[in-house]
């Protein structure tokens, strides 16, 4: 069993998977990928990642709906960083989910070091 922190990337854009691979592959994280919310939930249940990088707008299920499927104790044990290609006012999270988010970033990512730092802080908090 690996002691590397697990980061689950749930995003329907494969280019985002490649971006996170390039950004994080040398940082010592075990990266897991899902292209939709359903696959993400399945990977979450099986792998218990410390961090989830979660797209807000995906086919089939929004990031908010994904978070709604998780119990409060699951969310407390996993740091969720929301990413969206839409402006913050366009993202309509439930109050519960807003309170449970560790961080929020807009695509395209112009502050890569800040995003990487948030992932590092989130993984340290969850271990």
Protein backbone atom coordinates (compact mmCIF):
# COMPACT_ATOMS: atom_id res chain seq x y z
CA UNK A 1 0.00 0.00 0.00
CA UNK A 2 1.35 3.40 -1.00
CA UNK A 3 1.86 6.14 1.57
CA UNK A 4 1.62 8.80 -1.14
CA UNK A 5 -1.34 11.16 -0.65
CA UNK A 6 -4.09 10.34 -3.13
CA UNK A 7 -5.55 13.10 -5.27
CA UNK A 8 -8.73 12.30 -7.19
CA UNK A 9 -9.30 14.50 -10.25
CA UNK A 10 -12.95 14.50 -11.34
CA UNK A 11 -13.22 16.44 -14.59
CA UNK A 12 -14.80 15.66 -17.94
CA UNK A 13 -11.97 17.33 -19.88
CA UNK A 14 -9.03 15.02 -20.56
CA UNK A 15 -6.84 18.09 -21.18
CA UNK A 16 -7.38 19.00 -17.49
CA UNK A 17 -6.26 15.49 -16.49
CA UNK A 18 -3.06 16.05 -18.50
CA UNK A 19 -2.55 19.47 -16.93
CA UNK A 20 -2.83 18.09 -13.40
CA UNK A 21 -0.55 15.18 -14.30
CA UNK A 22 2.09 17.63 -15.51
CA UNK A 23 1.60 19.88 -12.48
CA UNK A 24 1.58 17.15 -9.82
CA UNK A 25 3.43 14.08 -11.10
CA UNK A 26 6.73 15.14 -9.51
CA UNK A 27 5.12 16.19 -6.23
CA UNK A 28 4.72 12.66 -4.83
CA UNK A 29 0.95 12.33 -5.15
CA UNK A 30 -0.86 9.23 -6.34
CA UNK A 31 -3.21 10.61 -9.02
CA UNK A 32 -6.61 9.09 -9.73
CA UNK A 33 -8.81 10.22 -12.62
CA UNK A 34 -12.54 10.17 -13.34
CA UNK A 35 -14.31 11.73 -16.33
CA UNK A 36 -17.69 12.13 -14.62
CA UNK A 37 -19.28 12.28 -11.21
CA UNK A 38 -20.48 8.68 -11.17
CA UNK A 39 -16.99 7.32 -11.87
CA UNK A 40 -15.59 9.80 -9.37
CA UNK A 41 -17.89 8.57 -6.61
CA UNK A 42 -16.91 4.98 -7.35
CA UNK A 43 -13.19 5.83 -7.19
CA UNK A 44 -13.77 7.86 -4.03
CA UNK A 45 -15.42 4.89 -2.30
CA UNK A 46 -12.69 2.49 -3.40
CA UNK A 47 -9.57 4.65 -2.95
CA UNK A 48 -10.41 7.13 -0.12
CA UNK A 49 -8.34 10.04 -1.49
CA UNK A 50 -7.11 12.83 0.75
CA UNK A 51 -7.91 15.49 -1.87
CA UNK A 52 -10.52 15.79 -4.62
CA UNK A 53 -10.04 18.27 -7.45
CA UNK A 54 -13.64 18.57 -8.59
CA UNK A 55 -14.96 20.27 -11.70
CA UNK A 56 -18.21 22.13 -11.15
CA UNK A 57 -19.76 21.61 -14.60
CA UNK A 58 -19.63 18.06 -15.94
CA UNK A 59 -21.90 15.93 -18.04
CA UNK A 60 -24.42 14.06 -15.92
CA UNK A 61 -23.63 15.50 -12.50
CA UNK A 62 -22.39 18.87 -11.26
CA UNK A 63 -19.68 19.18 -8.65
CA UNK A 64 -22.35 20.33 -6.21
CA UNK A 65 -24.40 17.18 -6.86
CA UNK A 66 -21.23 15.10 -6.42
CA UNK A 67 -20.60 16.66 -3.01
CA UNK A 68 -24.22 16.12 -2.02
CA UNK A 69 -23.64 12.36 -2.44
CA UNK A 70 -20.92 12.44 0.22
CA UNK A 71 -21.67 12.32 3.92
CA UNK A 72 -20.44 15.10 6.19
CA UNK A 73 -17.89 12.72 7.74
CA UNK A 74 -16.56 11.78 4.29
CA UNK A 75 -16.21 15.45 3.37
CA UNK A 76 -14.46 16.17 6.68
CA UNK A 77 -11.89 13.46 5.93
CA UNK A 78 -11.26 14.63 2.35
CA UNK A 79 -10.36 18.13 1.25
CA UNK A 80 -12.34 19.23 -1.81
CA UNK A 81 -10.95 21.83 -4.18
CA UNK A 82 -13.54 22.98 -6.70
CA UNK A 83 -12.46 24.07 -10.16
CA UNK A 84 -14.70 25.71 -12.72
CA UNK A 85 -14.46 27.35 -16.10
CA UNK A 86 -17.29 29.62 -15.05
CA UNK A 87 -17.22 32.77 -12.98
CA UNK A 88 -17.80 32.35 -9.26
CA UNK A 89 -21.29 33.96 -9.31
CA UNK A 90 -22.34 31.37 -11.91
CA UNK A 91 -21.49 28.50 -9.56
CA UNK A 92 -24.50 27.68 -7.43
CA UNK A 93 -23.38 25.50 -4.53
CA UNK A 94 -25.61 24.53 -1.66
CA UNK A 95 -24.76 26.24 1.62
CA UNK A 96 -23.53 22.94 3.08
CA UNK A 97 -21.17 22.39 0.17
CA UNK A 98 -19.90 25.98 0.21
CA UNK A 99 -18.91 25.50 3.83
CA UNK A 100 -17.16 22.20 3.07
CA UNK A 101 -14.97 23.45 0.22
CA UNK A 102 -11.27 23.74 1.00
CA UNK A 103 -10.63 26.06 -1.97
CA UNK A 104 -12.07 27.26 -5.29
CA UNK A 105 -10.18 27.98 -8.52
CA UNK A 106 -11.33 29.16 -11.93
CA UNK A 107 -10.13 27.68 -15.21
CA UNK A 108 -7.93 28.49 -16.95
CA UNK A 109 -5.53 28.34 -14.05
CA UNK A 110 -3.35 31.41 -14.01
CA UNK A 111 -2.11 30.93 -10.46
CA UNK A 112 -0.63 27.44 -10.78
CA UNK A 113 1.68 27.81 -7.78
CA UNK A 114 -1.24 28.91 -5.58
CA UNK A 115 -3.27 25.91 -6.80
CA UNK A 116 -0.35 23.57 -6.14
CA UNK A 117 0.08 25.07 -2.66
CA UNK A 118 -3.63 24.54 -1.91
CA UNK A 119 -3.34 20.89 -2.96
CA UNK A 120 -0.29 20.47 -0.71
CA UNK A 121 -2.05 22.11 2.26
CA UNK A 122 -5.19 20.06 1.66
CA UNK A 123 -3.30 16.76 1.52
CA UNK A 124 -1.34 17.61 4.67
CA UNK A 125 -4.56 18.48 6.51
CA UNK A 126 -6.24 15.21 5.53
CA UNK A 127 -3.42 12.87 6.51
